[in-house]
Amino acid sequence: MISLDVPTGVDPDTGESSGLAIRADATMTLALPKPGLLTAAGIDRTGRLYLADIGLPAALYAQLGIDVGPLFAAGRIIVLDVTR
């Protein structure tokens, strides 16, 4: 099972689910990792976590006060090392 952005039923902020939720083998999250995917509950449902560049300009991140640095310097998709 592969999920896009966040596994269905998983809260992107907390990683908790209020009922049924997908347990993905892999999740491709977009732009920045959602905080809930990095919690114990989220990691359990996310599987291998990939982060995809969707082309948001660095100026947008800066305007939001987020310093992403050279996040996608190595490529448009990166693997995030999170452990179940």
C-alpha atoms as a PDB file:
ATOM      1  CA  MET A   1       0.000   0.000   0.000  1.00  0.00           C
ATOM      2  CA  ILE A   2       1.397   3.405  -0.975  1.00  0.00           C
ATOM      3  CA  SER A   3      -0.007   6.658   0.425  1.00  0.00           C
ATOM      4  CA  LEU A   4       0.247  10.129  -1.035  1.00  0.00           C
ATOM      5  CA  ASP A   5       1.045  12.966   1.398  1.00  0.00           C
ATOM      6  CA  VAL A   6      -0.520  11.324   4.506  1.00  0.00           C
ATOM      7  CA  PRO A   7      -2.000   7.832   4.928  1.00  0.00           C
ATOM      8  CA  THR A   8      -5.796   7.981   4.868  1.00  0.00           C
ATOM      9  CA  GLY A   9      -7.215   8.379   8.371  1.00  0.00           C
ATOM     10  CA  VAL A  10      -3.981   9.702   9.916  1.00  0.00           C
ATOM     11  CA  ASP A  11      -4.020  13.211  11.381  1.00  0.00           C
ATOM     12  CA  PRO A  12      -1.159  15.148   9.710  1.00  0.00           C
ATOM     13  CA  ASP A  13      -0.457  17.142  12.871  1.00  0.00           C
ATOM     14  CA  THR A  14      -0.601  14.422  15.541  1.00  0.00           C
ATOM     15  CA  GLY A  15      -0.175  11.116  13.685  1.00  0.00           C
ATOM     16  CA  GLU A  16      -3.201   9.752  15.567  1.00  0.00           C
ATOM     17  CA  SER A  17      -6.298   8.297  13.941  1.00  0.00           C
ATOM     18  CA  SER A  18      -9.871   8.654  15.139  1.00  0.00           C
ATOM     19  CA  GLY A  19     -10.940   5.339  13.642  1.00  0.00           C
ATOM     20  CA  LEU A  20      -9.784   3.252  10.746  1.00  0.00           C
ATOM     21  CA  ALA A  21      -6.526   4.341   9.142  1.00  0.00           C
ATOM     22  CA  ILE A  22      -4.342   2.971   6.390  1.00  0.00           C
ATOM     23  CA  ARG A  23      -1.064   1.303   7.346  1.00  0.00           C
ATOM     24  CA  ALA A  24       1.086   2.118   4.326  1.00  0.00           C
ATOM     25  CA  ASP A  25       4.239   0.356   3.204  1.00  0.00           C
ATOM     26  CA  ALA A  26       5.467   3.722   1.908  1.00  0.00           C
ATOM     27  CA  THR A  27       4.257   7.325   1.944  1.00  0.00           C
ATOM     28  CA  MET A  28       5.250  10.086  -0.465  1.00  0.00           C
ATOM     29  CA  THR A  29       4.640  13.326   1.420  1.00  0.00           C
ATOM     30  CA  LEU A  30       4.715  16.652  -0.396  1.00  0.00           C
ATOM     31  CA  ALA A  31       6.733  19.862   0.141  1.00  0.00           C
ATOM     32  CA  LEU A  32       7.610  19.345   3.830  1.00  0.00           C
ATOM     33  CA  PRO A  33       7.100  16.420   6.203  1.00  0.00           C
ATOM     34  CA  LYS A  34       3.888  16.667   8.172  1.00  0.00           C
ATOM     35  CA  PRO A  35       4.603  16.699  11.941  1.00  0.00           C
ATOM     36  CA  GLY A  36       2.253  13.785  12.618  1.00  0.00           C
ATOM     37  CA  LEU A  37       4.219  11.515  10.295  1.00  0.00           C
ATOM     38  CA  LEU A  38       7.229  11.876  12.587  1.00  0.00           C
ATOM     39  CA  THR A  39       5.421  10.849  15.800  1.00  0.00           C
ATOM     40  CA  ALA A  40       5.413   7.257  17.070  1.00  0.00           C
ATOM     41  CA  ALA A  41       1.784   6.787  15.981  1.00  0.00           C
ATOM     42  CA  GLY A  42       2.425   8.349  12.576  1.00  0.00           C
ATOM     43  CA  ILE A  43       5.608   6.386  11.918  1.00  0.00           C
ATOM     44  CA  ASP A  44       3.713   3.164  12.597  1.00  0.00           C
ATOM     45  CA  ARG A  45       1.229   3.949   9.803  1.00  0.00           C
ATOM     46  CA  THR A  46       3.540   5.740   7.344  1.00  0.00           C
ATOM     47  CA  GLY A  47       5.993   3.025   6.330  1.00  0.00           C
ATOM     48  CA  ARG A  48       9.056   4.199   4.425  1.00  0.00           C
ATOM     49  CA  LEU A  49       8.774   7.974   4.156  1.00  0.00           C
ATOM     50  CA  TYR A  50       9.687   9.899   1.029  1.00  0.00           C
ATOM     51  CA  LEU A  51       9.588  13.682   0.610  1.00  0.00           C
ATOM     52  CA  ALA A  52       8.815  15.134  -2.824  1.00  0.00           C
ATOM     53  CA  ASP A  53       9.646  18.589  -4.102  1.00  0.00           C
ATOM     54  CA  ILE A  54       6.514  20.060  -5.674  1.00  0.00           C
ATOM     55  CA  GLY A  55       8.249  23.208  -6.867  1.00  0.00           C
ATOM     56  CA  LEU A  56       7.313  25.656  -4.135  1.00  0.00           C
ATOM     57  CA  PRO A  57       9.666  28.641  -4.385  1.00  0.00           C
ATOM     58  CA  ALA A  58      12.169  29.260  -1.586  1.00  0.00           C
ATOM     59  CA  ALA A  59      10.623  32.722  -1.190  1.00  0.00           C
ATOM     60  CA  LEU A  60       7.341  31.158  -0.067  1.00  0.00           C
ATOM     61  CA  TYR A  61       9.061  29.154   2.659  1.00  0.00           C
ATOM     62  CA  ALA A  62      10.938  32.307   3.719  1.00  0.00           C
ATOM     63  CA  GLN A  63       7.688  34.304   3.814  1.00  0.00           C
ATOM     64  CA  LEU A  64       6.266  31.658   6.163  1.00  0.00           C
ATOM     65  CA  GLY A  65       9.368  31.857   8.352  1.00  0.00           C
ATOM     66  CA  ILE A  66      10.566  28.367   7.395  1.00  0.00           C
ATOM     67  CA  ASP A  67      14.243  27.882   6.618  1.00  0.00           C
ATOM     68  CA  VAL A  68      14.503  24.810   4.413  1.00  0.00           C
ATOM     69  CA  GLY A  69      18.078  25.414   3.318  1.00  0.00           C
ATOM     70  CA  PRO A  70      19.188  23.232   0.412  1.00  0.00           C
ATOM     71  CA  LEU A  71      16.512  20.632   1.188  1.00  0.00           C
ATOM     72  CA  PHE A  72      16.171  19.330  -2.369  1.00  0.00           C
ATOM     73  CA  ALA A  73      19.757  19.927  -3.508  1.00  0.00           C
ATOM     74  CA  ALA A  74      20.324  16.170  -3.916  1.00  0.00           C
ATOM     75  CA  GLY A  75      17.159  15.590  -5.949  1.00  0.00           C
ATOM     76  CA  ARG A  76      13.417  16.124  -6.192  1.00  0.00           C
ATOM     77  CA  ILE A  77      12.615  13.092  -4.024  1.00  0.00           C
ATOM     78  CA  ILE A  78      14.462  12.268  -0.829  1.00  0.00           C
ATOM     79  CA  VAL A  79      14.109   9.417   1.653  1.00  0.00           C
ATOM     80  CA  LEU A  80      13.528  10.478   5.250  1.00  0.00           C
ATOM     81  CA  ASP A  81      15.103   8.154   7.776  1.00  0.00           C
ATOM     82  CA  VAL A  82      12.392   7.440  10.329  1.00  0.00           C
ATOM     83  CA  THR A  83      12.193   4.223  12.312  1.00  0.00           C
ATOM     84  CA  ARG A  84       9.112   2.237  13.224  1.00  0.00           C
END
